[in-house]
Amino acid sequence: MTPTAPRALARFNKVATNKLVRPMARNTRALANVIHVGRKSGKEYSTPITPFVDGDQFAVILTYGTHADWVQNLLAGGGHLEHRGRTRRMTDIRIVSEDQVPHLPRRARAVGRAAGNVLVATLAG
């Protein structure tokens, strides 16, 4: 399925919005940072996201699609989730449809259906 957000918005967020949101995302319930390493550069990146966490299960709706750099980096090399003042390693990272994520809140399901994909993982540590 195609991304629900335009690529121009993704580029703007990458260079402007993310820099402002990243520090706040570390300690809030509604936001988190995904820490991942670039496939080509080997550089560590931090990308703010809107997580859905239920115990040790994590999900994020892929509004920019499955080809976003941070998604591809996680699938290739794993990563960590920085959420509510805690950093946890992500394992068993995969992409599924929204109907395969039982802990996804009802308000997020419509966005998940529109986006077509949800990245899920198990959180360790």
PDB file of N, CA and C in Angstrom:
ATOM      1  N   MET A   1       0.840  -1.182   0.000  1.00  0.00           N
ATOM      2  CA  MET A   1       0.000   0.000   0.000  1.00  0.00           C
ATOM      3  C   MET A   1       0.889   1.251   0.000  1.00  0.00           C
ATOM      4  N   THR A   2       0.416   2.338  -0.524  1.00  0.00           N
ATOM      5  CA  THR A   2       1.202   3.564  -0.587  1.00  0.00           C
ATOM      6  C   THR A   2       1.184   4.275   0.758  1.00  0.00           C
ATOM      7  N   PRO A   3       2.231   5.046   1.025  1.00  0.00           N
ATOM      8  CA  PRO A   3       2.266   5.802   2.272  1.00  0.00           C
ATOM      9  C   PRO A   3       1.114   6.790   2.344  1.00  0.00           C
ATOM     10  N   THR A   4       0.632   7.059   3.558  1.00  0.00           N
ATOM     11  CA  THR A   4      -0.470   8.001   3.716  1.00  0.00           C
ATOM     12  C   THR A   4       0.023   9.439   3.826  1.00  0.00           C
ATOM     13  N   ALA A   5       1.294   9.640   4.131  1.00  0.00           N
ATOM     14  CA  ALA A   5       1.849  10.986   4.244  1.00  0.00           C
ATOM     15  C   ALA A   5       2.725  11.272   3.022  1.00  0.00           C
ATOM     16  N   PRO A   6       2.651  12.491   2.495  1.00  0.00           N
ATOM     17  CA  PRO A   6       3.451  12.823   1.315  1.00  0.00           C
ATOM     18  C   PRO A   6       4.954  12.829   1.624  1.00  0.00           C
ATOM     19  N   ARG A   7       5.765  12.484   0.628  1.00  0.00           N
ATOM     20  CA  ARG A   7       7.224  12.446   0.794  1.00  0.00           C
ATOM     21  C   ARG A   7       7.774  13.817   1.177  1.00  0.00           C
ATOM     22  N   ALA A   8       7.177  14.898   0.679  1.00  0.00           N
ATOM     23  CA  ALA A   8       7.662  16.237   1.026  1.00  0.00           C
ATOM     24  C   ALA A   8       7.542  16.474   2.531  1.00  0.00           C
ATOM     25  N   LEU A   9       6.468  15.990   3.133  1.00  0.00           N
ATOM     26  CA  LEU A   9       6.300  16.118   4.580  1.00  0.00           C
ATOM     27  C   LEU A   9       7.355  15.288   5.311  1.00  0.00           C
ATOM     28  N   ALA A  10       7.641  14.115   4.804  1.00  0.00           N
ATOM     29  CA  ALA A  10       8.673  13.269   5.412  1.00  0.00           C
ATOM     30  C   ALA A  10      10.031  13.973   5.389  1.00  0.00           C
ATOM     31  N   ARG A  11      10.371  14.587   4.266  1.00  0.00           N
ATOM     32  CA  ARG A  11      11.649  15.296   4.161  1.00  0.00           C
ATOM     33  C   ARG A  11      11.701  16.483   5.123  1.00  0.00           C
ATOM     34  N   PHE A  12      10.603  17.244   5.213  1.00  0.00           N
ATOM     35  CA  PHE A  12      10.545  18.383   6.130  1.00  0.00           C
ATOM     36  C   PHE A  12      10.712  17.911   7.572  1.00  0.00           C
ATOM     37  N   ASN A  13      10.003  16.851   7.931  1.00  0.00           N
ATOM     38  CA  ASN A  13      10.121  16.325   9.297  1.00  0.00           C
ATOM     39  C   ASN A  13      11.542  15.873   9.597  1.00  0.00           C
ATOM     40  N   LYS A  14      12.186  15.253   8.627  1.00  0.00           N
ATOM     41  CA  LYS A  14      13.541  14.726   8.824  1.00  0.00           C
ATOM     42  C   LYS A  14      14.540  15.846   9.118  1.00  0.00           C
ATOM     43  N   VAL A  15      14.412  16.976   8.413  1.00  0.00           N
ATOM     44  CA  VAL A  15      15.391  18.052   8.584  1.00  0.00           C
ATOM     45  C   VAL A  15      14.987  19.116   9.603  1.00  0.00           C
ATOM     46  N   ALA A  16      13.718  19.235   9.925  1.00  0.00           N
ATOM     47  CA  ALA A  16      13.290  20.316  10.817  1.00  0.00           C
ATOM     48  C   ALA A  16      12.559  19.808  12.067  1.00  0.00           C
ATOM     49  N   THR A  17      11.412  19.229  11.882  1.00  0.00           N
ATOM     50  CA  THR A  17      10.556  18.847  13.001  1.00  0.00           C
ATOM     51  C   THR A  17      11.223  17.844  13.940  1.00  0.00           C
ATOM     52  N   ASN A  18      11.880  16.838  13.385  1.00  0.00           N
ATOM     53  CA  ASN A  18      12.481  15.800  14.220  1.00  0.00           C
ATOM     54  C   ASN A  18      13.493  16.361  15.212  1.00  0.00           C
ATOM     55  N   LYS A  19      14.237  17.379  14.814  1.00  0.00           N
ATOM     56  CA  LYS A  19      15.234  17.982  15.705  1.00  0.00           C
ATOM     57  C   LYS A  19      14.575  18.621  16.924  1.00  0.00           C
ATOM     58  N   LEU A  20      13.385  19.166  16.737  1.00  0.00           N
ATOM     59  CA  LEU A  20      12.664  19.775  17.854  1.00  0.00           C
ATOM     60  C   LEU A  20      11.982  18.740  18.742  1.00  0.00           C
ATOM     61  N   VAL A  21      11.473  17.693  18.137  1.00  0.00           N
ATOM     62  CA  VAL A  21      10.684  16.690  18.857  1.00  0.00           C
ATOM     63  C   VAL A  21      11.563  15.678  19.588  1.00  0.00           C
ATOM     64  N   ARG A  22      12.707  15.346  19.027  1.00  0.00           N
ATOM     65  CA  ARG A  22      13.575  14.289  19.562  1.00  0.00           C
ATOM     66  C   ARG A  22      13.844  14.415  21.069  1.00  0.00           C
ATOM     67  N   PRO A  23      14.229  15.600  21.600  1.00  0.00           N
ATOM     68  CA  PRO A  23      14.493  15.689  23.044  1.00  0.00           C
ATOM     69  C   PRO A  23      13.247  15.424  23.906  1.00  0.00           C
ATOM     70  N   MET A  24      12.097  15.849  23.447  1.00  0.00           N
ATOM     71  CA  MET A  24      10.850  15.628  24.195  1.00  0.00           C
ATOM     72  C   MET A  24      10.418  14.175  24.156  1.00  0.00           C
ATOM     73  N   ALA A  25      10.722  13.489  23.068  1.00  0.00           N
ATOM     74  CA  ALA A  25      10.242  12.126  22.862  1.00  0.00           C
ATOM     75  C   ALA A  25      10.847  11.136  23.853  1.00  0.00           C
ATOM     76  N   ARG A  26      11.964  11.472  24.455  1.00  0.00           N
ATOM     77  CA  ARG A  26      12.638  10.552  25.381  1.00  0.00           C
ATOM     78  C   ARG A  26      11.806  10.221  26.611  1.00  0.00           C
ATOM     79  N   ASN A  27      11.030  11.176  27.078  1.00  0.00           N
ATOM     80  CA  ASN A  27      10.389  11.019  28.382  1.00  0.00           C
ATOM     81  C   ASN A  27       8.876  11.159  28.387  1.00  0.00           C
ATOM     82  N   THR A  28       8.249  11.085  27.243  1.00  0.00           N
ATOM     83  CA  THR A  28       6.801  11.219  27.193  1.00  0.00           C
ATOM     84  C   THR A  28       6.142   9.883  26.880  1.00  0.00           C
ATOM     85  N   ARG A  29       4.880   9.792  27.187  1.00  0.00           N
ATOM     86  CA  ARG A  29       4.110   8.573  26.885  1.00  0.00           C
ATOM     87  C   ARG A  29       3.728   8.532  25.405  1.00  0.00           C
ATOM     88  N   ALA A  30       3.424   9.673  24.813  1.00  0.00           N
ATOM     89  CA  ALA A  30       2.884   9.717  23.457  1.00  0.00           C
ATOM     90  C   ALA A  30       3.945   9.620  22.367  1.00  0.00           C
ATOM     91  N   LEU A  31       5.209   9.837  22.715  1.00  0.00           N
ATOM     92  CA  LEU A  31       6.276   9.818  21.720  1.00  0.00           C
ATOM     93  C   LEU A  31       7.409   8.903  22.177  1.00  0.00           C
ATOM     94  N   ALA A  32       8.261   8.548  21.251  1.00  0.00           N
ATOM     95  CA  ALA A  32       9.454   7.760  21.545  1.00  0.00           C
ATOM     96  C   ALA A  32      10.481   8.025  20.456  1.00  0.00           C
ATOM     97  N   ASN A  33      11.708   7.636  20.708  1.00  0.00           N
ATOM     98  CA  ASN A  33      12.758   7.699  19.698  1.00  0.00           C
ATOM     99  C   ASN A  33      13.167   6.278  19.335  1.00  0.00           C
ATOM    100  N   VAL A  34      13.290   6.021  18.055  1.00  0.00           N
ATOM    101  CA  VAL A  34      13.842   4.764  17.578  1.00  0.00           C
ATOM    102  C   VAL A  34      15.309   5.033  17.276  1.00  0.00           C
ATOM    103  N   ILE A  35      16.189   4.285  17.921  1.00  0.00           N
ATOM    104  CA  ILE A  35      17.622   4.416  17.704  1.00  0.00           C
ATOM    105  C   ILE A  35      18.038   3.309  16.736  1.00  0.00           C
ATOM    106  N   HIS A  36      18.662   3.681  15.630  1.00  0.00           N
ATOM    107  CA  HIS A  36      19.035   2.712  14.593  1.00  0.00           C
ATOM    108  C   HIS A  36      20.324   3.150  13.937  1.00  0.00           C
ATOM    109  N   VAL A  37      20.984   2.219  13.255  1.00  0.00           N
ATOM    110  CA  VAL A  37      22.260   2.490  12.603  1.00  0.00           C
ATOM    111  C   VAL A  37      22.060   2.441  11.094  1.00  0.00           C
ATOM    112  N   GLY A  38      22.587   3.441  10.409  1.00  0.00           N
ATOM    113  CA  GLY A  38      22.469   3.521   8.950  1.00  0.00           C
ATOM    114  C   GLY A  38      23.088   2.310   8.262  1.00  0.00           C
ATOM    115  N   ARG A  39      22.397   1.795   7.276  1.00  0.00           N
ATOM    116  CA  ARG A  39      22.873   0.610   6.549  1.00  0.00           C
ATOM    117  C   ARG A  39      24.156   0.881   5.786  1.00  0.00           C
ATOM    118  N   LYS A  40      24.293   2.072   5.245  1.00  0.00           N
ATOM    119  CA  LYS A  40      25.463   2.402   4.446  1.00  0.00           C
ATOM    120  C   LYS A  40      26.477   3.227   5.236  1.00  0.00           C
ATOM    121  N   SER A  41      26.006   4.187   5.999  1.00  0.00           N
ATOM    122  CA  SER A  41      26.904   5.108   6.707  1.00  0.00           C
ATOM    123  C   SER A  41      27.481   4.517   7.990  1.00  0.00           C
ATOM    124  N   GLY A  42      26.757   3.606   8.619  1.00  0.00           N
ATOM    125  CA  GLY A  42      27.184   3.083   9.911  1.00  0.00           C
ATOM    126  C   GLY A  42      26.962   4.074  11.044  1.00  0.00           C
ATOM    127  N   LYS A  43      26.349   5.210  10.733  1.00  0.00           N
ATOM    128  CA  LYS A  43      26.092   6.266  11.708  1.00  0.00           C
ATOM    129  C   LYS A  43      24.826   5.943  12.514  1.00  0.00           C
ATOM    130  N   GLU A  44      24.846   6.311  13.799  1.00  0.00           N
ATOM    131  CA  GLU A  44      23.660   6.100  14.632  1.00  0.00           C
ATOM    132  C   GLU A  44      22.683   7.261  14.444  1.00  0.00           C
ATOM    133  N   TYR A  45      21.411   6.921  14.293  1.00  0.00           N
ATOM    134  CA  TYR A  45      20.339   7.903  14.115  1.00  0.00           C
ATOM    135  C   TYR A  45      19.278   7.718  15.187  1.00  0.00           C
ATOM    136  N   SER A  46      18.535   8.784  15.446  1.00  0.00           N
ATOM    137  CA  SER A  46      17.417   8.761  16.374  1.00  0.00           C
ATOM    138  C   SER A  46      16.211   9.382  15.667  1.00  0.00           C
ATOM    139  N   THR A  47      15.152   8.606  15.523  1.00  0.00           N
ATOM    140  CA  THR A  47      13.968   9.064  14.801  1.00  0.00           C
ATOM    141  C   THR A  47      12.773   9.072  15.732  1.00  0.00           C
ATOM    142  N   PRO A  48      12.126  10.233  15.936  1.00  0.00           N
ATOM    143  CA  PRO A  48      10.931  10.285  16.785  1.00  0.00           C
ATOM    144  C   PRO A  48       9.745   9.606  16.099  1.00  0.00           C
ATOM    145  N   ILE A  49       8.983   8.862  16.895  1.00  0.00           N
ATOM    146  CA  ILE A  49       7.815   8.151  16.374  1.00  0.00           C
ATOM    147  C   ILE A  49       6.696   8.222  17.412  1.00  0.00           C
ATOM    148  N   THR A  50       5.516   7.797  17.010  1.00  0.00           N
ATOM    149  CA  THR A  50       4.383   7.649  17.928  1.00  0.00           C
ATOM    150  C   THR A  50       4.213   6.156  18.187  1.00  0.00           C
ATOM    151  N   PRO A  51       4.624   5.687  19.370  1.00  0.00           N
ATOM    152  CA  PRO A  51       4.608   4.246  19.639  1.00  0.00           C
ATOM    153  C   PRO A  51       3.302   3.775  20.256  1.00  0.00           C
ATOM    154  N   PHE A  52       3.051   2.506  20.124  1.00  0.00           N
ATOM    155  CA  PHE A  52       1.977   1.833  20.849  1.00  0.00           C
ATOM    156  C   PHE A  52       2.656   0.675  21.569  1.00  0.00           C
ATOM    157  N   VAL A  53       2.818   0.823  22.884  1.00  0.00           N
ATOM    158  CA  VAL A  53       3.535  -0.164  23.689  1.00  0.00           C
ATOM    159  C   VAL A  53       2.555  -0.832  24.637  1.00  0.00           C
ATOM    160  N   ASP A  54       2.638  -2.157  24.668  1.00  0.00           N
ATOM    161  CA  ASP A  54       1.815  -2.947  25.587  1.00  0.00           C
ATOM    162  C   ASP A  54       2.727  -4.004  26.200  1.00  0.00           C
ATOM    163  N   GLY A  55       3.202  -3.745  27.406  1.00  0.00           N
ATOM    164  CA  GLY A  55       4.146  -4.656  28.037  1.00  0.00           C
ATOM    165  C   GLY A  55       5.441  -4.693  27.261  1.00  0.00           C
ATOM    166  N   ASP A  56       5.787  -5.869  26.740  1.00  0.00           N
ATOM    167  CA  ASP A  56       7.018  -5.985  25.958  1.00  0.00           C
ATOM    168  C   ASP A  56       6.755  -5.989  24.453  1.00  0.00           C
ATOM    169  N   GLN A  57       5.544  -5.615  24.052  1.00  0.00           N
ATOM    170  CA  GLN A  57       5.204  -5.548  22.632  1.00  0.00           C
ATOM    171  C   GLN A  57       5.133  -4.087  22.183  1.00  0.00           C
ATOM    172  N   PHE A  58       5.710  -3.836  21.017  1.00  0.00           N
ATOM    173  CA  PHE A  58       5.799  -2.487  20.477  1.00  0.00           C
ATOM    174  C   PHE A  58       5.237  -2.469  19.064  1.00  0.00           C
ATOM    175  N   ALA A  59       4.548  -1.390  18.702  1.00  0.00           N
ATOM    176  CA  ALA A  59       4.043  -1.220  17.344  1.00  0.00           C
ATOM    177  C   ALA A  59       4.110   0.257  16.955  1.00  0.00           C
ATOM    178  N   VAL A  60       4.322   0.508  15.671  1.00  0.00           N
ATOM    179  CA  VAL A  60       4.266   1.867  15.135  1.00  0.00           C
ATOM    180  C   VAL A  60       3.663   1.774  13.736  1.00  0.00           C
ATOM    181  N   ILE A  61       2.712   2.643  13.466  1.00  0.00           N
ATOM    182  CA  ILE A  61       2.070   2.672  12.152  1.00  0.00           C
ATOM    183  C   ILE A  61       3.025   3.332  11.157  1.00  0.00           C
ATOM    184  N   LEU A  62       3.200   2.721  10.010  1.00  0.00           N
ATOM    185  CA  LEU A  62       4.159   3.202   9.017  1.00  0.00           C
ATOM    186  C   LEU A  62       3.491   4.165   8.041  1.00  0.00           C
ATOM    187  N   THR A  63       3.237   5.384   8.516  1.00  0.00           N
ATOM    188  CA  THR A  63       2.550   6.380   7.689  1.00  0.00           C
ATOM    189  C   THR A  63       3.395   6.837   6.503  1.00  0.00           C
ATOM    190  N   TYR A  64       4.719   6.658   6.564  1.00  0.00           N
ATOM    191  CA  TYR A  64       5.586   7.001   5.433  1.00  0.00           C
ATOM    192  C   TYR A  64       5.942   5.776   4.611  1.00  0.00           C
ATOM    193  N   GLY A  65       5.346   4.642   4.916  1.00  0.00           N
ATOM    194  CA  GLY A  65       5.587   3.424   4.152  1.00  0.00           C
ATOM    195  C   GLY A  65       6.753   2.604   4.681  1.00  0.00           C
ATOM    196  N   THR A  66       6.957   1.462   4.060  1.00  0.00           N
ATOM    197  CA  THR A  66       7.977   0.524   4.502  1.00  0.00           C
ATOM    198  C   THR A  66       9.373   0.876   3.993  1.00  0.00           C
ATOM    199  N   HIS A  67       9.473   1.836   3.089  1.00  0.00           N
ATOM    200  CA  HIS A  67      10.768   2.176   2.512  1.00  0.00           C
ATOM    201  C   HIS A  67      11.458   3.342   3.207  1.00  0.00           C
ATOM    202  N   ALA A  68      10.877   3.849   4.294  1.00  0.00           N
ATOM    203  CA  ALA A  68      11.536   4.912   5.057  1.00  0.00           C
ATOM    204  C   ALA A  68      12.884   4.386   5.551  1.00  0.00           C
ATOM    205  N   ASP A  69      13.882   5.246   5.555  1.00  0.00           N
ATOM    206  CA  ASP A  69      15.230   4.820   5.946  1.00  0.00           C
ATOM    207  C   ASP A  69      15.257   4.156   7.317  1.00  0.00           C
ATOM    208  N   TRP A  70      14.577   4.749   8.304  1.00  0.00           N
ATOM    209  CA  TRP A  70      14.636   4.191   9.654  1.00  0.00           C
ATOM    210  C   TRP A  70      14.023   2.794   9.703  1.00  0.00           C
ATOM    211  N   VAL A  71      12.981   2.554   8.916  1.00  0.00           N
ATOM    212  CA  VAL A  71      12.349   1.229   8.873  1.00  0.00           C
ATOM    213  C   VAL A  71      13.328   0.221   8.273  1.00  0.00           C
ATOM    214  N   GLN A  72      13.938   0.574   7.147  1.00  0.00           N
ATOM    215  CA  GLN A  72      14.893  -0.315   6.506  1.00  0.00           C
ATOM    216  C   GLN A  72      16.111  -0.573   7.399  1.00  0.00           C
ATOM    217  N   ASN A  73      16.551   0.455   8.131  1.00  0.00           N
ATOM    218  CA  ASN A  73      17.679   0.281   9.051  1.00  0.00           C
ATOM    219  C   ASN A  73      17.328  -0.699  10.172  1.00  0.00           C
ATOM    220  N   LEU A  74      16.130  -0.565  10.723  1.00  0.00           N
ATOM    221  CA  LEU A  74      15.712  -1.493  11.788  1.00  0.00           C
ATOM    222  C   LEU A  74      15.641  -2.925  11.277  1.00  0.00           C
ATOM    223  N   LEU A  75      15.047  -3.103  10.109  1.00  0.00           N
ATOM    224  CA  LEU A  75      14.917  -4.447   9.553  1.00  0.00           C
ATOM    225  C   LEU A  75      16.286  -5.065   9.256  1.00  0.00           C
ATOM    226  N   ALA A  76      17.239  -4.230   8.844  1.00  0.00           N
ATOM    227  CA  ALA A  76      18.563  -4.736   8.482  1.00  0.00           C
ATOM    228  C   ALA A  76      19.463  -4.990   9.684  1.00  0.00           C
ATOM    229  N   GLY A  77      19.350  -4.132  10.702  1.00  0.00           N
ATOM    230  CA  GLY A  77      20.325  -4.239  11.789  1.00  0.00           C
ATOM    231  C   GLY A  77      19.788  -4.116  13.191  1.00  0.00           C
ATOM    232  N   GLY A  78      18.466  -4.068  13.341  1.00  0.00           N
ATOM    233  CA  GLY A  78      17.900  -3.942  14.680  1.00  0.00           C
ATOM    234  C   GLY A  78      17.997  -2.516  15.199  1.00  0.00           C
ATOM    235  N   GLY A  79      17.645  -2.355  16.466  1.00  0.00           N
ATOM    236  CA  GLY A  79      17.685  -1.031  17.057  1.00  0.00           C
ATOM    237  C   GLY A  79      17.149  -1.042  18.470  1.00  0.00           C
ATOM    238  N   HIS A  80      16.952   0.168  18.993  1.00  0.00           N
ATOM    239  CA  HIS A  80      16.472   0.348  20.360  1.00  0.00           C
ATOM    240  C   HIS A  80      15.304   1.340  20.361  1.00  0.00           C
ATOM    241  N   LEU A  81      14.466   1.221  21.374  1.00  0.00           N
ATOM    242  CA  LEU A  81      13.368   2.157  21.571  1.00  0.00           C
ATOM    243  C   LEU A  81      13.636   2.937  22.847  1.00  0.00           C
ATOM    244  N   GLU A  82      13.672   4.255  22.724  1.00  0.00           N
ATOM    245  CA  GLU A  82      13.855   5.149  23.858  1.00  0.00           C
ATOM    246  C   GLU A  82      12.475   5.730  24.182  1.00  0.00           C
ATOM    247  N   HIS A  83      11.896   5.288  25.309  1.00  0.00           N
ATOM    248  CA  HIS A  83      10.506   5.627  25.619  1.00  0.00           C
ATOM    249  C   HIS A  83      10.322   5.749  27.124  1.00  0.00           C
ATOM    250  N   ARG A  84       9.727   6.868  27.548  1.00  0.00           N
ATOM    251  CA  ARG A  84       9.420   7.109  28.958  1.00  0.00           C
ATOM    252  C   ARG A  84      10.655   6.981  29.850  1.00  0.00           C
ATOM    253  N   GLY A  85      11.772   7.530  29.368  1.00  0.00           N
ATOM    254  CA  GLY A  85      12.998   7.561  30.146  1.00  0.00           C
ATOM    255  C   GLY A  85      13.780   6.258  30.183  1.00  0.00           C
ATOM    256  N   ARG A  86      13.396   5.314  29.360  1.00  0.00           N
ATOM    257  CA  ARG A  86      14.028   3.993  29.350  1.00  0.00           C
ATOM    258  C   ARG A  86      14.421   3.619  27.920  1.00  0.00           C
ATOM    259  N   THR A  87      15.564   2.938  27.754  1.00  0.00           N
ATOM    260  CA  THR A  87      15.983   2.465  26.442  1.00  0.00           C
ATOM    261  C   THR A  87      15.962   0.942  26.454  1.00  0.00           C
ATOM    262  N   ARG A  88      15.240   0.366  25.483  1.00  0.00           N
ATOM    263  CA  ARG A  88      15.102  -1.089  25.398  1.00  0.00           C
ATOM    264  C   ARG A  88      15.447  -1.575  24.000  1.00  0.00           C
ATOM    265  N   ARG A  89      16.119  -2.706  23.930  1.00  0.00           N
ATOM    266  CA  ARG A  89      16.494  -3.302  22.650  1.00  0.00           C
ATOM    267  C   ARG A  89      15.254  -3.884  21.971  1.00  0.00           C
ATOM    268  N   MET A  90      15.169  -3.712  20.669  1.00  0.00           N
ATOM    269  CA  MET A  90      14.057  -4.250  19.888  1.00  0.00           C
ATOM    270  C   MET A  90      14.489  -5.573  19.259  1.00  0.00           C
ATOM    271  N   THR A  91      13.669  -6.608  19.413  1.00  0.00           N
ATOM    272  CA  THR A  91      13.946  -7.909  18.809  1.00  0.00           C
ATOM    273  C   THR A  91      12.727  -8.338  18.001  1.00  0.00           C
ATOM    274  N   ASP A  92      12.904  -9.341  17.184  1.00  0.00           N
ATOM    275  CA  ASP A  92      11.811  -9.886  16.368  1.00  0.00           C
ATOM    276  C   ASP A  92      11.075  -8.772  15.615  1.00  0.00           C
ATOM    277  N   ILE A  93      11.823  -7.919  14.958  1.00  0.00           N
ATOM    278  CA  ILE A  93      11.270  -6.770  14.222  1.00  0.00           C
ATOM    279  C   ILE A  93      10.693  -7.259  12.900  1.00  0.00           C
ATOM    280  N   ARG A  94       9.451  -6.870  12.632  1.00  0.00           N
ATOM    281  CA  ARG A  94       8.798  -7.307  11.395  1.00  0.00           C
ATOM    282  C   ARG A  94       7.680  -6.337  11.031  1.00  0.00           C
ATOM    283  N   ILE A  95       7.207  -6.453   9.794  1.00  0.00           N
ATOM    284  CA  ILE A  95       6.113  -5.619   9.307  1.00  0.00           C
ATOM    285  C   ILE A  95       4.893  -6.507   9.118  1.00  0.00           C
ATOM    286  N   VAL A  96       3.767  -6.046   9.670  1.00  0.00           N
ATOM    287  CA  VAL A  96       2.514  -6.798   9.591  1.00  0.00           C
ATOM    288  C   VAL A  96       1.384  -5.840   9.228  1.00  0.00           C
ATOM    289  N   SER A  97       0.189  -6.389   9.005  1.00  0.00           N
ATOM    290  CA  SER A  97      -0.989  -5.538   8.778  1.00  0.00           C
ATOM    291  C   SER A  97      -1.587  -5.164  10.129  1.00  0.00           C
ATOM    292  N   GLU A  98      -2.360  -4.086  10.148  1.00  0.00           N
ATOM    293  CA  GLU A  98      -2.893  -3.580  11.421  1.00  0.00           C
ATOM    294  C   GLU A  98      -3.774  -4.597  12.140  1.00  0.00           C
ATOM    295  N   ASP A  99      -4.431  -5.490  11.412  1.00  0.00           N
ATOM    296  CA  ASP A  99      -5.305  -6.458  12.068  1.00  0.00           C
ATOM    297  C   ASP A  99      -4.521  -7.553  12.804  1.00  0.00           C
ATOM    298  N   GLN A 100      -3.202  -7.571  12.660  1.00  0.00           N
ATOM    299  CA  GLN A 100      -2.367  -8.532  13.369  1.00  0.00           C
ATOM    300  C   GLN A 100      -1.778  -7.959  14.660  1.00  0.00           C
ATOM    301  N   VAL A 101      -2.220  -6.755  15.041  1.00  0.00           N
ATOM    302  CA  VAL A 101      -1.688  -6.093  16.235  1.00  0.00           C
ATOM    303  C   VAL A 101      -2.837  -5.894  17.220  1.00  0.00           C
ATOM    304  N   PRO A 102      -3.048  -6.850  18.132  1.00  0.00           N
ATOM    305  CA  PRO A 102      -4.194  -6.774  19.032  1.00  0.00           C
ATOM    306  C   PRO A 102      -4.166  -5.587  19.985  1.00  0.00           C
ATOM    307  N   HIS A 103      -2.984  -5.090  20.355  1.00  0.00           N
ATOM    308  CA  HIS A 103      -2.925  -3.984  21.316  1.00  0.00           C
ATOM    309  C   HIS A 103      -2.987  -2.605  20.671  1.00  0.00           C
ATOM    310  N   LEU A 104      -3.234  -2.543  19.371  1.00  0.00           N
ATOM    311  CA  LEU A 104      -3.353  -1.255  18.688  1.00  0.00           C
ATOM    312  C   LEU A 104      -4.676  -0.599  19.093  1.00  0.00           C
ATOM    313  N   PRO A 105      -4.633   0.621  19.641  1.00  0.00           N
ATOM    314  CA  PRO A 105      -5.866   1.286  20.057  1.00  0.00           C
ATOM    315  C   PRO A 105      -6.821   1.502  18.882  1.00  0.00           C
ATOM    316  N   ARG A 106      -8.090   1.535  19.180  1.00  0.00           N
ATOM    317  CA  ARG A 106      -9.115   1.697  18.149  1.00  0.00           C
ATOM    318  C   ARG A 106      -8.885   2.944  17.306  1.00  0.00           C
ATOM    319  N   ARG A 107      -8.492   4.047  17.948  1.00  0.00           N
ATOM    320  CA  ARG A 107      -8.277   5.297  17.206  1.00  0.00           C
ATOM    321  C   ARG A 107      -7.128   5.181  16.213  1.00  0.00           C
ATOM    322  N   ALA A 108      -6.209   4.254  16.460  1.00  0.00           N
ATOM    323  CA  ALA A 108      -5.065   4.080  15.569  1.00  0.00           C
ATOM    324  C   ALA A 108      -5.355   3.091  14.443  1.00  0.00           C
ATOM    325  N   ARG A 109      -6.378   2.275  14.596  1.00  0.00           N
ATOM    326  CA  ARG A 109      -6.663   1.245  13.587  1.00  0.00           C
ATOM    327  C   ARG A 109      -6.991   1.831  12.214  1.00  0.00           C
ATOM    328  N   ALA A 110      -7.750   2.920  12.196  1.00  0.00           N
ATOM    329  CA  ALA A 110      -8.107   3.536  10.907  1.00  0.00           C
ATOM    330  C   ALA A 110      -6.850   4.030  10.185  1.00  0.00           C
ATOM    331  N   VAL A 111      -5.941   4.642  10.923  1.00  0.00           N
ATOM    332  CA  VAL A 111      -4.686   5.100  10.330  1.00  0.00           C
ATOM    333  C   VAL A 111      -3.876   3.893   9.874  1.00  0.00           C
ATOM    334  N   GLY A 112      -3.871   2.842  10.680  1.00  0.00           N
ATOM    335  CA  GLY A 112      -3.160   1.614  10.319  1.00  0.00           C
ATOM    336  C   GLY A 112      -3.709   0.984   9.058  1.00  0.00           C
ATOM    337  N   ARG A 113      -5.027   0.991   8.921  1.00  0.00           N
ATOM    338  CA  ARG A 113      -5.644   0.437   7.703  1.00  0.00           C
ATOM    339  C   ARG A 113      -5.265   1.282   6.497  1.00  0.00           C
ATOM    340  N   ALA A 114      -5.285   2.605   6.661  1.00  0.00           N
ATOM    341  CA  ALA A 114      -4.936   3.494   5.547  1.00  0.00           C
ATOM    342  C   ALA A 114      -3.470   3.338   5.152  1.00  0.00           C
ATOM    343  N   ALA A 115      -2.593   3.220   6.146  1.00  0.00           N
ATOM    344  CA  ALA A 115      -1.160   3.072   5.859  1.00  0.00           C
ATOM    345  C   ALA A 115      -0.853   1.687   5.302  1.00  0.00           C
ATOM    346  N   GLY A 116      -1.599   0.708   5.765  1.00  0.00           N
ATOM    347  CA  GLY A 116      -1.423  -0.649   5.257  1.00  0.00           C
ATOM    348  C   GLY A 116      -0.423  -1.491   6.001  1.00  0.00           C
ATOM    349  N   ASN A 117       0.484  -0.867   6.751  1.00  0.00           N
ATOM    350  CA  ASN A 117       1.516  -1.631   7.425  1.00  0.00           C
ATOM    351  C   ASN A 117       1.821  -1.070   8.807  1.00  0.00           C
ATOM    352  N   VAL A 118       2.209  -1.982   9.689  1.00  0.00           N
ATOM    353  CA  VAL A 118       2.606  -1.637  11.038  1.00  0.00           C
ATOM    354  C   VAL A 118       3.915  -2.359  11.326  1.00  0.00           C
ATOM    355  N   LEU A 119       4.887  -1.648  11.865  1.00  0.00           N
ATOM    356  CA  LEU A 119       6.124  -2.287  12.288  1.00  0.00           C
ATOM    357  C   LEU A 119       5.927  -2.719  13.737  1.00  0.00           C
ATOM    358  N   VAL A 120       6.215  -3.966  14.026  1.00  0.00           N
ATOM    359  CA  VAL A 120       6.086  -4.492  15.384  1.00  0.00           C
ATOM    360  C   VAL A 120       7.405  -5.100  15.826  1.00  0.00           C
ATOM    361  N   ALA A 121       7.602  -5.158  17.137  1.00  0.00           N
ATOM    362  CA  ALA A 121       8.811  -5.746  17.695  1.00  0.00           C
ATOM    363  C   ALA A 121       8.536  -6.129  19.140  1.00  0.00           C
ATOM    364  N   THR A 122       9.411  -6.963  19.656  1.00  0.00           N
ATOM    365  CA  THR A 122       9.410  -7.295  21.073  1.00  0.00           C
ATOM    366  C   THR A 122      10.507  -6.474  21.716  1.00  0.00           C
ATOM    367  N   LEU A 123      10.208  -5.928  22.911  1.00  0.00           N
ATOM    368  CA  LEU A 123      11.180  -5.102  23.620  1.00  0.00           C
ATOM    369  C   LEU A 123      11.865  -5.929  24.698  1.00  0.00           C
ATOM    370  N   ALA A 124      13.183  -5.876  24.729  1.00  0.00           N
ATOM    371  CA  ALA A 124      13.951  -6.626  25.720  1.00  0.00           C
ATOM    372  C   ALA A 124      14.663  -5.648  26.646  1.00  0.00           C
ATOM    373  N   GLY A 125      14.893  -6.079  27.867  1.00  0.00           N
ATOM    374  CA  GLY A 125      15.671  -5.266  28.816  1.00  0.00           C
ATOM    375  C   GLY A 125      14.906  -4.294  29.573  1.00  0.00           C
TER     376      GLY A 125
END
